Amino acid sequence: MQKSPRPIGVTIIAVLAILAGVVGLIGGMAIATFSSLFASIGFGVGGLLATLGFVIAGVVIFFGFIWILTGWGFLNGKSWARTLGMIFSILSLLGTLVVAASGSIGAIVGIVILILMLYYLFTPPVKAFFTNGPTTKSFSTGSSIPRPSIPTSFANPMGGSSSSFGSSSSSTSNSTRFCTNCGATLSAGSNKCSSCGKSD
């Protein structure tokens, strides 16, 4: 299956989700620290406020971890991260609608951003990225390593030498003559045998 490149918008959403998670972790720890100060108040009120603060801090820290995990999933093209992103966007949209009912300009801007983000998560490139996963670089061993060429003389060492040997032996046999009387070798260019003196 062919991998899909990560859209720039997915990267932006992932970074924002991770930042929101970090802010949530810091905020949750701050709420827990601040809530511990109420424990010194008497009449049972301090303990109740401290318990309520710890519960809120735990919820904020939990969602901080969820946002960080979602951002990591966005960067790596995990389909469950897209699902969590849509769920969080819808819940945030509902909460923002309640705030916007009071006439808050910031809430209205937030509604527009959340609607655009939901629409973006349903676009074909984003769906393909979360379906196929991010692209990875692959290395080909056949194209980058050159193959050594073997000369034909080494590939068939007997071909050339045998033909040249055959031609030399053939030329030698054709140029050498023998005496018909005694069988001695006749010298080149001479028609008279040096052994028996007979002319050939």
N, C-alpha and C. Protein backbone atom coordinates (compact mmCIF):
# COMPACT_ATOMS: atom_id res chain seq x y z
N MET A 1 0.85 -1.19 0.00
CA MET A 1 0.00 0.00 0.00
C MET A 1 0.88 1.24 0.00
N GLN A 2 0.55 2.17 -0.89
CA GLN A 2 1.36 3.37 -1.01
C GLN A 2 1.10 4.32 0.15
N LYS A 3 2.18 4.82 0.73
CA LYS A 3 2.07 5.75 1.85
C LYS A 3 1.71 7.15 1.34
N SER A 4 1.08 7.94 2.24
CA SER A 4 0.66 9.28 1.88
C SER A 4 1.50 10.30 2.64
N PRO A 5 1.84 11.42 2.00
CA PRO A 5 2.60 12.45 2.71
C PRO A 5 1.73 13.13 3.76
N ARG A 6 2.37 13.61 4.83
CA ARG A 6 1.62 14.25 5.91
C ARG A 6 1.27 15.68 5.52
N PRO A 7 -0.02 16.02 5.49
CA PRO A 7 -0.41 17.40 5.17
C PRO A 7 0.11 18.37 6.23
N ILE A 8 0.38 19.59 5.81
CA ILE A 8 0.92 20.60 6.72
C ILE A 8 -0.08 20.93 7.81
N GLY A 9 -1.39 20.87 7.47
CA GLY A 9 -2.41 21.14 8.48
C GLY A 9 -2.42 20.12 9.60
N VAL A 10 -2.15 18.86 9.26
CA VAL A 10 -2.10 17.81 10.28
C VAL A 10 -0.93 18.07 11.23
N THR A 11 0.19 18.52 10.67
CA THR A 11 1.35 18.84 11.52
C THR A 11 1.02 19.98 12.48
N ILE A 12 0.32 20.99 11.97
CA ILE A 12 -0.05 22.14 12.82
C ILE A 12 -0.99 21.70 13.95
N ILE A 13 -1.98 20.87 13.59
CA ILE A 13 -2.92 20.38 14.62
C ILE A 13 -2.18 19.53 15.65
N ALA A 14 -1.24 18.71 15.19
CA ALA A 14 -0.48 17.87 16.12
C ALA A 14 0.33 18.71 17.09
N VAL A 15 0.98 19.75 16.58
CA VAL A 15 1.77 20.63 17.46
C VAL A 15 0.87 21.34 18.47
N LEU A 16 -0.28 21.82 18.00
CA LEU A 16 -1.22 22.50 18.91
C LEU A 16 -1.75 21.54 19.96
N ALA A 17 -2.02 20.30 19.57
CA ALA A 17 -2.52 19.31 20.54
C ALA A 17 -1.47 19.01 21.60
N ILE A 18 -0.21 18.87 21.17
CA ILE A 18 0.86 18.59 22.14
C ILE A 18 1.04 19.79 23.08
N LEU A 19 0.98 21.00 22.53
CA LEU A 19 1.09 22.20 23.38
C LEU A 19 -0.07 22.28 24.36
N ALA A 20 -1.28 21.95 23.89
CA ALA A 20 -2.43 21.96 24.80
C ALA A 20 -2.26 20.92 25.90
N GLY A 21 -1.69 19.77 25.55
CA GLY A 21 -1.45 18.76 26.56
C GLY A 21 -0.44 19.20 27.60
N VAL A 22 0.63 19.85 27.14
CA VAL A 22 1.65 20.34 28.09
C VAL A 22 1.05 21.39 29.01
N VAL A 23 0.26 22.31 28.42
CA VAL A 23 -0.40 23.33 29.25
C VAL A 23 -1.35 22.68 30.24
N GLY A 24 -2.06 21.63 29.81
CA GLY A 24 -2.96 20.94 30.72
C GLY A 24 -2.22 20.27 31.87
N LEU A 25 -1.07 19.68 31.58
CA LEU A 25 -0.29 19.06 32.66
C LEU A 25 0.19 20.10 33.66
N ILE A 26 0.70 21.21 33.15
CA ILE A 26 1.18 22.28 34.05
C ILE A 26 0.02 22.85 34.87
N GLY A 27 -1.13 23.08 34.17
CA GLY A 27 -2.29 23.62 34.87
C GLY A 27 -2.84 22.67 35.92
N GLY A 28 -2.87 21.38 35.60
CA GLY A 28 -3.35 20.40 36.57
C GLY A 28 -2.48 20.34 37.81
N MET A 29 -1.16 20.37 37.61
CA MET A 29 -0.26 20.35 38.77
C MET A 29 -0.39 21.62 39.59
N ALA A 30 -0.63 22.76 38.91
CA ALA A 30 -0.82 24.02 39.64
C ALA A 30 -2.11 23.99 40.47
N ILE A 31 -3.18 23.42 39.87
CA ILE A 31 -4.44 23.31 40.62
C ILE A 31 -4.28 22.39 41.83
N ALA A 32 -3.55 21.28 41.65
CA ALA A 32 -3.33 20.37 42.77
C ALA A 32 -2.53 21.04 43.88
N THR A 33 -1.51 21.81 43.49
CA THR A 33 -0.69 22.50 44.49
C THR A 33 -1.51 23.55 45.24
N PHE A 34 -2.34 24.30 44.49
CA PHE A 34 -3.16 25.34 45.10
C PHE A 34 -4.24 24.73 45.99
N SER A 35 -4.75 23.56 45.60
CA SER A 35 -5.82 22.93 46.38
C SER A 35 -5.31 22.41 47.73
N SER A 36 -4.04 22.05 47.77
CA SER A 36 -3.49 21.54 49.03
C SER A 36 -3.46 22.63 50.11
N LEU A 37 -3.52 23.91 49.68
CA LEU A 37 -3.51 25.00 50.67
C LEU A 37 -4.83 25.07 51.43
N PHE A 38 -5.92 24.56 50.82
CA PHE A 38 -7.22 24.62 51.50
C PHE A 38 -7.35 23.59 52.62
N ALA A 39 -6.42 22.64 52.65
CA ALA A 39 -6.53 21.59 53.66
C ALA A 39 -6.36 22.14 55.07
N SER A 40 -5.72 23.29 55.21
CA SER A 40 -5.49 23.86 56.55
C SER A 40 -6.70 24.59 57.09
N ILE A 41 -7.71 24.81 56.24
CA ILE A 41 -8.91 25.51 56.71
C ILE A 41 -9.76 24.54 57.54
N GLY A 42 -10.23 25.01 58.65
CA GLY A 42 -10.99 24.15 59.57
C GLY A 42 -12.44 23.98 59.19
N PHE A 43 -13.16 23.38 60.09
CA PHE A 43 -14.60 23.15 59.98
C PHE A 43 -14.97 22.24 58.80
N GLY A 44 -14.03 21.46 58.30
CA GLY A 44 -14.33 20.53 57.21
C GLY A 44 -14.43 21.16 55.85
N VAL A 45 -14.45 22.50 55.81
CA VAL A 45 -14.57 23.18 54.51
C VAL A 45 -13.29 23.05 53.72
N GLY A 46 -12.16 23.16 54.42
CA GLY A 46 -10.87 23.07 53.74
C GLY A 46 -10.68 21.71 53.08
N GLY A 47 -11.05 20.65 53.80
CA GLY A 47 -10.91 19.31 53.23
C GLY A 47 -11.78 19.11 52.01
N LEU A 48 -12.99 19.67 52.04
CA LEU A 48 -13.90 19.54 50.90
C LEU A 48 -13.37 20.29 49.69
N LEU A 49 -12.88 21.51 49.92
CA LEU A 49 -12.31 22.29 48.81
C LEU A 49 -11.06 21.63 48.25
N ALA A 50 -10.23 21.09 49.14
CA ALA A 50 -9.01 20.42 48.69
C ALA A 50 -9.34 19.19 47.85
N THR A 51 -10.34 18.42 48.32
CA THR A 51 -10.74 17.22 47.55
C THR A 51 -11.28 17.59 46.18
N LEU A 52 -12.13 18.63 46.16
CA LEU A 52 -12.67 19.09 44.88
C LEU A 52 -11.56 19.58 43.96
N GLY A 53 -10.59 20.28 44.51
CA GLY A 53 -9.47 20.77 43.70
C GLY A 53 -8.63 19.64 43.14
N PHE A 54 -8.41 18.60 43.95
CA PHE A 54 -7.63 17.45 43.48
C PHE A 54 -8.34 16.70 42.36
N VAL A 55 -9.68 16.61 42.48
CA VAL A 55 -10.45 15.94 41.42
C VAL A 55 -10.34 16.71 40.12
N ILE A 56 -10.49 18.04 40.21
CA ILE A 56 -10.36 18.87 39.00
C ILE A 56 -8.95 18.76 38.42
N ALA A 57 -7.96 18.78 39.30
CA ALA A 57 -6.58 18.68 38.84
C ALA A 57 -6.33 17.33 38.14
N GLY A 58 -6.91 16.26 38.70
CA GLY A 58 -6.75 14.95 38.08
C GLY A 58 -7.37 14.88 36.70
N VAL A 59 -8.55 15.50 36.55
CA VAL A 59 -9.22 15.51 35.23
C VAL A 59 -8.39 16.31 34.22
N VAL A 60 -7.88 17.46 34.67
CA VAL A 60 -7.09 18.30 33.76
C VAL A 60 -5.80 17.59 33.34
N ILE A 61 -5.14 16.94 34.28
CA ILE A 61 -3.91 16.20 33.96
C ILE A 61 -4.21 15.02 33.02
N PHE A 62 -5.34 14.35 33.26
CA PHE A 62 -5.71 13.22 32.40
C PHE A 62 -5.90 13.68 30.95
N PHE A 63 -6.66 14.76 30.78
CA PHE A 63 -6.88 15.26 29.42
C PHE A 63 -5.60 15.83 28.82
N GLY A 64 -4.69 16.30 29.67
CA GLY A 64 -3.40 16.74 29.16
C GLY A 64 -2.63 15.60 28.52
N PHE A 65 -2.65 14.46 29.21
CA PHE A 65 -2.00 13.27 28.63
C PHE A 65 -2.69 12.83 27.34
N ILE A 66 -4.02 12.91 27.32
CA ILE A 66 -4.77 12.51 26.12
C ILE A 66 -4.40 13.42 24.93
N TRP A 67 -4.29 14.71 25.18
CA TRP A 67 -3.94 15.64 24.10
C TRP A 67 -2.53 15.37 23.58
N ILE A 68 -1.61 15.09 24.47
CA ILE A 68 -0.24 14.78 24.02
C ILE A 68 -0.23 13.49 23.20
N LEU A 69 -0.97 12.49 23.65
CA LEU A 69 -1.05 11.24 22.91
C LEU A 69 -1.71 11.45 21.54
N THR A 70 -2.73 12.30 21.51
CA THR A 70 -3.40 12.59 20.24
C THR A 70 -2.46 13.30 19.27
N GLY A 71 -1.69 14.25 19.79
CA GLY A 71 -0.72 14.94 18.93
C GLY A 71 0.32 13.99 18.36
N TRP A 72 0.78 13.05 19.18
CA TRP A 72 1.72 12.04 18.68
C TRP A 72 1.08 11.17 17.60
N GLY A 73 -0.18 10.81 17.82
CA GLY A 73 -0.89 10.02 16.81
C GLY A 73 -1.09 10.78 15.52
N PHE A 74 -1.32 12.09 15.59
CA PHE A 74 -1.46 12.90 14.38
C PHE A 74 -0.15 12.91 13.59
N LEU A 75 0.97 13.02 14.28
CA LEU A 75 2.26 13.06 13.58
C LEU A 75 2.57 11.74 12.90
N ASN A 76 2.08 10.63 13.44
CA ASN A 76 2.40 9.31 12.91
C ASN A 76 1.26 8.70 12.10
N GLY A 77 0.21 9.48 11.82
CA GLY A 77 -0.86 9.01 10.95
C GLY A 77 -1.70 7.90 11.54
N LYS A 78 -1.94 7.91 12.84
CA LYS A 78 -2.76 6.89 13.49
C LYS A 78 -4.24 7.23 13.32
N SER A 79 -5.02 6.24 12.88
CA SER A 79 -6.44 6.49 12.62
C SER A 79 -7.20 6.82 13.91
N TRP A 80 -6.78 6.22 15.03
CA TRP A 80 -7.47 6.51 16.29
C TRP A 80 -7.24 7.96 16.73
N ALA A 81 -6.10 8.54 16.32
CA ALA A 81 -5.84 9.94 16.68
C ALA A 81 -6.82 10.86 15.96
N ARG A 82 -7.12 10.54 14.70
CA ARG A 82 -8.11 11.34 13.96
C ARG A 82 -9.48 11.22 14.63
N THR A 83 -9.82 10.02 15.08
CA THR A 83 -11.11 9.84 15.77
C THR A 83 -11.16 10.64 17.07
N LEU A 84 -10.08 10.57 17.86
CA LEU A 84 -10.03 11.36 19.10
C LEU A 84 -10.09 12.85 18.80
N GLY A 85 -9.40 13.27 17.74
CA GLY A 85 -9.42 14.68 17.38
C GLY A 85 -10.82 15.16 17.04
N MET A 86 -11.58 14.32 16.34
CA MET A 86 -12.95 14.71 16.00
C MET A 86 -13.84 14.72 17.24
N ILE A 87 -13.64 13.74 18.14
CA ILE A 87 -14.46 13.72 19.36
C ILE A 87 -14.18 14.94 20.22
N PHE A 88 -12.90 15.26 20.42
CA PHE A 88 -12.54 16.43 21.22
C PHE A 88 -13.04 17.72 20.57
N SER A 89 -12.98 17.78 19.24
CA SER A 89 -13.45 18.99 18.55
C SER A 89 -14.95 19.17 18.73
N ILE A 90 -15.70 18.07 18.65
CA ILE A 90 -17.15 18.17 18.83
C ILE A 90 -17.50 18.57 20.27
N LEU A 91 -16.82 17.95 21.25
CA LEU A 91 -17.09 18.32 22.65
C LEU A 91 -16.70 19.77 22.92
N SER A 92 -15.56 20.18 22.37
CA SER A 92 -15.15 21.58 22.55
C SER A 92 -16.12 22.53 21.86
N LEU A 93 -16.63 22.09 20.71
CA LEU A 93 -17.59 22.93 20.00
C LEU A 93 -18.86 23.12 20.81
N LEU A 94 -19.34 22.05 21.43
CA LEU A 94 -20.54 22.16 22.27
C LEU A 94 -20.32 23.10 23.46
N GLY A 95 -19.15 22.94 24.11
CA GLY A 95 -18.84 23.83 25.23
C GLY A 95 -18.68 25.27 24.81
N THR A 96 -18.09 25.47 23.63
CA THR A 96 -17.89 26.84 23.14
C THR A 96 -19.21 27.48 22.75
N LEU A 97 -20.15 26.67 22.25
CA LEU A 97 -21.47 27.23 21.92
C LEU A 97 -22.17 27.78 23.15
N VAL A 98 -22.00 27.10 24.29
CA VAL A 98 -22.61 27.58 25.54
C VAL A 98 -22.01 28.92 25.95
N VAL A 99 -20.67 29.01 25.81
CA VAL A 99 -20.00 30.27 26.18
C VAL A 99 -20.37 31.37 25.20
N ALA A 100 -20.49 31.01 23.90
CA ALA A 100 -20.80 32.02 22.88
C ALA A 100 -22.20 32.57 23.05
N ALA A 101 -23.06 31.80 23.72
CA ALA A 101 -24.42 32.30 23.94
C ALA A 101 -24.44 33.54 24.80
N SER A 102 -23.39 33.75 25.59
CA SER A 102 -23.32 34.95 26.43
C SER A 102 -22.78 36.15 25.67
N GLY A 103 -22.45 35.96 24.40
CA GLY A 103 -21.97 37.06 23.57
C GLY A 103 -20.46 37.21 23.57
N SER A 104 -19.72 36.19 23.92
CA SER A 104 -18.27 36.26 23.95
C SER A 104 -17.71 36.20 22.51
N ILE A 105 -16.91 37.21 22.15
CA ILE A 105 -16.31 37.24 20.82
C ILE A 105 -15.29 36.13 20.66
N GLY A 106 -14.52 35.88 21.72
CA GLY A 106 -13.52 34.82 21.66
C GLY A 106 -14.15 33.46 21.44
N ALA A 107 -15.32 33.22 22.06
CA ALA A 107 -16.01 31.95 21.88
C ALA A 107 -16.51 31.81 20.45
N ILE A 108 -16.96 32.90 19.86
CA ILE A 108 -17.43 32.85 18.47
C ILE A 108 -16.28 32.51 17.53
N VAL A 109 -15.13 33.12 17.76
CA VAL A 109 -13.94 32.80 16.95
C VAL A 109 -13.55 31.33 17.15
N GLY A 110 -13.65 30.85 18.39
CA GLY A 110 -13.34 29.46 18.66
C GLY A 110 -14.27 28.50 17.92
N ILE A 111 -15.55 28.88 17.81
CA ILE A 111 -16.51 28.05 17.09
C ILE A 111 -16.12 27.93 15.62
N VAL A 112 -15.73 29.06 15.03
CA VAL A 112 -15.31 29.05 13.62
C VAL A 112 -14.09 28.17 13.42
N ILE A 113 -13.13 28.27 14.34
CA ILE A 113 -11.90 27.47 14.22
C ILE A 113 -12.22 25.98 14.36
N LEU A 114 -13.07 25.62 15.30
CA LEU A 114 -13.42 24.22 15.51
C LEU A 114 -14.17 23.64 14.32
N ILE A 115 -15.06 24.44 13.73
CA ILE A 115 -15.81 23.96 12.55
C ILE A 115 -14.86 23.74 11.39
N LEU A 116 -13.92 24.66 11.18
CA LEU A 116 -12.94 24.51 10.11
C LEU A 116 -12.05 23.28 10.34
N MET A 117 -11.71 23.03 11.60
CA MET A 117 -10.87 21.88 11.90
C MET A 117 -11.62 20.58 11.64
N LEU A 118 -12.88 20.52 12.01
CA LEU A 118 -13.69 19.34 11.73
C LEU A 118 -13.82 19.11 10.22
N TYR A 119 -14.03 20.19 9.48
CA TYR A 119 -14.12 20.06 8.02
C TYR A 119 -12.79 19.58 7.44
N TYR A 120 -11.70 20.09 7.96
CA TYR A 120 -10.37 19.71 7.46
C TYR A 120 -10.09 18.23 7.70
N LEU A 121 -10.53 17.70 8.81
CA LEU A 121 -10.28 16.28 9.12
C LEU A 121 -11.04 15.34 8.19
N PHE A 122 -12.03 15.87 7.46
CA PHE A 122 -12.79 15.03 6.53
C PHE A 122 -12.36 15.23 5.08
N THR A 123 -11.35 16.03 4.83
CA THR A 123 -10.87 16.22 3.46
C THR A 123 -10.13 14.96 2.98
N PRO A 124 -10.16 14.67 1.66
CA PRO A 124 -9.53 13.43 1.14
C PRO A 124 -8.05 13.28 1.47
N PRO A 125 -7.20 14.33 1.35
CA PRO A 125 -5.79 14.11 1.69
C PRO A 125 -5.56 13.70 3.14
N VAL A 126 -6.35 14.29 4.05
CA VAL A 126 -6.20 13.96 5.47
C VAL A 126 -6.69 12.54 5.73
N LYS A 127 -7.81 12.16 5.13
CA LYS A 127 -8.32 10.80 5.30
C LYS A 127 -7.36 9.77 4.73
N ALA A 128 -6.74 10.10 3.58
CA ALA A 128 -5.77 9.18 2.98
C ALA A 128 -4.53 9.04 3.85
N PHE A 129 -4.10 10.14 4.47
CA PHE A 129 -2.92 10.09 5.34
C PHE A 129 -3.17 9.19 6.55
N PHE A 130 -4.34 9.32 7.16
CA PHE A 130 -4.63 8.51 8.34
C PHE A 130 -5.01 7.07 7.98
N THR A 131 -5.32 6.83 6.71
CA THR A 131 -5.62 5.46 6.28
C THR A 131 -4.36 4.70 5.90
N ASN A 132 -3.47 5.37 5.14
CA ASN A 132 -2.27 4.70 4.63
C ASN A 132 -1.06 4.87 5.52
N GLY A 133 -1.03 5.94 6.32
CA GLY A 133 0.15 6.20 7.16
C GLY A 133 1.13 7.12 6.46
N PRO A 134 2.12 7.63 7.21
CA PRO A 134 3.09 8.56 6.63
C PRO A 134 4.07 7.86 5.72
N THR A 135 4.69 8.65 4.82
CA THR A 135 5.68 8.11 3.91
C THR A 135 6.97 7.85 4.65
N THR A 136 7.71 6.84 4.20
CA THR A 136 9.03 6.53 4.74
C THR A 136 9.99 6.38 3.60
N LYS A 137 11.22 6.81 3.80
CA LYS A 137 12.24 6.73 2.76
C LYS A 137 12.73 5.31 2.63
N SER A 138 12.77 4.85 1.41
CA SER A 138 13.27 3.50 1.13
C SER A 138 14.54 3.59 0.31
N PHE A 139 15.41 2.66 0.53
CA PHE A 139 16.70 2.64 -0.15
C PHE A 139 16.75 1.43 -1.06
N SER A 140 17.16 1.65 -2.30
CA SER A 140 17.27 0.57 -3.29
C SER A 140 18.72 0.19 -3.44
N THR A 141 18.99 -1.11 -3.30
CA THR A 141 20.38 -1.58 -3.39
C THR A 141 20.81 -1.80 -4.82
N GLY A 142 19.84 -1.99 -5.73
CA GLY A 142 20.21 -2.31 -7.09
C GLY A 142 20.58 -1.09 -7.91
N SER A 143 19.99 0.07 -7.61
CA SER A 143 20.19 1.23 -8.46
C SER A 143 21.42 2.04 -8.07
N SER A 144 21.81 1.99 -6.79
CA SER A 144 22.90 2.86 -6.34
C SER A 144 24.26 2.20 -6.45
N ILE A 145 24.32 0.86 -6.48
CA ILE A 145 25.61 0.16 -6.50
C ILE A 145 25.90 -0.26 -7.93
N PRO A 146 26.95 0.27 -8.55
CA PRO A 146 27.25 -0.11 -9.93
C PRO A 146 27.77 -1.53 -10.00
N ARG A 147 27.44 -2.20 -11.08
CA ARG A 147 27.89 -3.57 -11.29
C ARG A 147 29.17 -3.54 -12.12
N PRO A 148 30.21 -4.29 -11.71
CA PRO A 148 31.45 -4.30 -12.48
C PRO A 148 31.27 -5.04 -13.79
N SER A 149 31.87 -4.49 -14.83
CA SER A 149 31.80 -5.13 -16.14
C SER A 149 33.01 -6.04 -16.32
N ILE A 150 32.77 -7.23 -16.85
CA ILE A 150 33.82 -8.22 -17.05
C ILE A 150 34.22 -8.20 -18.52
N PRO A 151 35.49 -7.96 -18.85
CA PRO A 151 35.91 -7.97 -20.25
C PRO A 151 35.65 -9.33 -20.88
N THR A 152 35.42 -9.31 -22.18
CA THR A 152 35.11 -10.56 -22.88
C THR A 152 36.30 -11.50 -22.92
N SER A 153 37.52 -10.92 -22.82
CA SER A 153 38.70 -11.77 -22.83
C SER A 153 38.78 -12.62 -21.57
N PHE A 154 38.25 -12.04 -20.41
CA PHE A 154 38.22 -12.81 -19.17
C PHE A 154 37.00 -13.71 -19.11
N ALA A 155 35.94 -13.26 -19.74
CA ALA A 155 34.74 -14.07 -19.72
C ALA A 155 34.93 -15.34 -20.53
N ASN A 156 35.68 -15.27 -21.63
CA ASN A 156 35.93 -16.44 -22.46
C ASN A 156 37.41 -16.48 -22.79
N PRO A 157 38.26 -16.86 -21.83
CA PRO A 157 39.71 -16.73 -22.05
C PRO A 157 40.23 -17.67 -23.12
N MET A 158 39.54 -18.75 -23.39
CA MET A 158 40.05 -19.70 -24.36
C MET A 158 39.65 -19.35 -25.78
N GLY A 159 38.69 -18.38 -25.90
CA GLY A 159 38.19 -18.09 -27.23
C GLY A 159 39.24 -17.49 -28.12
N GLY A 160 39.85 -16.37 -27.63
CA GLY A 160 40.80 -15.66 -28.49
C GLY A 160 42.09 -16.43 -28.64
N SER A 161 42.58 -17.03 -27.55
CA SER A 161 43.87 -17.70 -27.60
C SER A 161 43.80 -18.95 -28.44
N SER A 162 42.67 -19.65 -28.37
CA SER A 162 42.57 -20.88 -29.14
C SER A 162 42.52 -20.59 -30.62
N SER A 163 41.82 -19.48 -30.98
CA SER A 163 41.73 -19.15 -32.39
C SER A 163 43.08 -18.70 -32.92
N SER A 164 43.81 -17.91 -32.11
CA SER A 164 45.11 -17.45 -32.56
C SER A 164 46.09 -18.60 -32.61
N PHE A 165 45.97 -19.53 -31.65
CA PHE A 165 46.85 -20.69 -31.67
C PHE A 165 46.57 -21.55 -32.88
N GLY A 166 45.28 -21.68 -33.17
CA GLY A 166 44.93 -22.49 -34.32
C GLY A 166 45.42 -21.89 -35.61
N SER A 167 45.35 -20.53 -35.73
CA SER A 167 45.79 -19.90 -36.96
C SER A 167 47.30 -19.98 -37.11
N SER A 168 48.03 -19.85 -35.93
CA SER A 168 49.49 -19.92 -36.02
C SER A 168 49.96 -21.32 -36.36
N SER A 169 49.28 -22.30 -35.75
CA SER A 169 49.68 -23.66 -36.06
C SER A 169 49.34 -24.02 -37.49
N SER A 170 48.24 -23.43 -37.98
CA SER A 170 47.85 -23.71 -39.35
C SER A 170 48.82 -23.10 -40.32
N SER A 171 49.24 -21.80 -39.98
CA SER A 171 50.19 -21.15 -40.87
C SER A 171 51.53 -21.86 -40.83
N THR A 172 51.90 -22.41 -39.62
CA THR A 172 53.18 -23.12 -39.52
C THR A 172 53.16 -24.40 -40.34
N SER A 173 52.02 -25.11 -40.27
CA SER A 173 51.92 -26.36 -41.02
C SER A 173 51.89 -26.11 -42.52
N ASN A 174 51.34 -24.91 -42.89
CA ASN A 174 51.27 -24.62 -44.32
C ASN A 174 52.63 -24.18 -44.87
N SER A 175 53.51 -23.56 -44.08
CA SER A 175 54.80 -23.06 -44.58
C SER A 175 55.92 -24.09 -44.49
N THR A 176 55.82 -25.10 -43.66
CA THR A 176 56.87 -26.12 -43.50
C THR A 176 56.70 -27.21 -44.57
N ARG A 177 57.83 -27.54 -45.24
CA ARG A 177 57.80 -28.60 -46.25
C ARG A 177 58.85 -29.65 -45.92
N PHE A 178 58.62 -30.87 -46.42
CA PHE A 178 59.52 -31.99 -46.16
C PHE A 178 59.98 -32.61 -47.48
N CYS A 179 61.19 -33.23 -47.43
CA CYS A 179 61.76 -33.90 -48.63
C CYS A 179 60.98 -35.18 -48.90
N THR A 180 60.63 -35.38 -50.13
CA THR A 180 59.87 -36.58 -50.50
C THR A 180 60.75 -37.83 -50.55
N ASN A 181 62.07 -37.61 -50.57
CA ASN A 181 62.98 -38.76 -50.67
C ASN A 181 63.39 -39.27 -49.30
N CYS A 182 63.92 -38.36 -48.45
CA CYS A 182 64.42 -38.79 -47.13
C CYS A 182 63.57 -38.30 -45.98
N GLY A 183 62.65 -37.40 -46.24
CA GLY A 183 61.76 -36.88 -45.18
C GLY A 183 62.34 -35.76 -44.36
N ALA A 184 63.51 -35.25 -44.73
CA ALA A 184 64.10 -34.14 -43.98
C ALA A 184 63.33 -32.86 -44.25
N THR A 185 63.47 -31.92 -43.30
CA THR A 185 62.77 -30.64 -43.43
C THR A 185 63.50 -29.77 -44.43
N LEU A 186 62.75 -29.24 -45.37
CA LEU A 186 63.32 -28.34 -46.36
C LEU A 186 63.34 -26.93 -45.80
N SER A 187 64.41 -26.23 -46.07
CA SER A 187 64.50 -24.84 -45.63
C SER A 187 63.56 -23.98 -46.44
N ALA A 188 63.12 -22.86 -45.80
CA ALA A 188 62.16 -21.98 -46.46
C ALA A 188 62.77 -21.38 -47.71
N GLY A 189 62.05 -21.44 -48.81
CA GLY A 189 62.47 -20.85 -50.08
C GLY A 189 63.43 -21.72 -50.88
N SER A 190 63.75 -22.95 -50.37
CA SER A 190 64.70 -23.83 -51.09
C SER A 190 63.94 -25.04 -51.62
N ASN A 191 64.28 -25.45 -52.84
CA ASN A 191 63.67 -26.62 -53.45
C ASN A 191 64.60 -27.83 -53.44
N LYS A 192 65.81 -27.72 -52.84
CA LYS A 192 66.78 -28.81 -52.81
C LYS A 192 67.01 -29.25 -51.38
N CYS A 193 66.95 -30.58 -51.16
CA CYS A 193 67.14 -31.13 -49.82
C CYS A 193 68.61 -31.05 -49.43
N SER A 194 68.86 -30.55 -48.24
CA SER A 194 70.22 -30.41 -47.77
C SER A 194 70.80 -31.73 -47.29
N SER A 195 69.95 -32.75 -47.08
CA SER A 195 70.43 -34.03 -46.58
C SER A 195 70.81 -34.98 -47.71
N CYS A 196 69.86 -35.18 -48.65
CA CYS A 196 70.13 -36.12 -49.73
C CYS A 196 70.48 -35.44 -51.04
N GLY A 197 70.28 -34.17 -51.13
CA GLY A 197 70.63 -33.41 -52.34
C GLY A 197 69.61 -33.52 -53.44
N LYS A 198 68.49 -34.17 -53.17
CA LYS A 198 67.49 -34.31 -54.22
C LYS A 198 66.65 -33.06 -54.30
N SER A 199 66.38 -32.68 -55.55
CA SER A 199 65.53 -31.50 -55.76
C SER A 199 64.06 -31.88 -55.64
N ASP A 200 63.29 -31.05 -54.95
CA ASP A 200 61.88 -31.36 -54.75
C ASP A 200 61.04 -30.66 -55.81
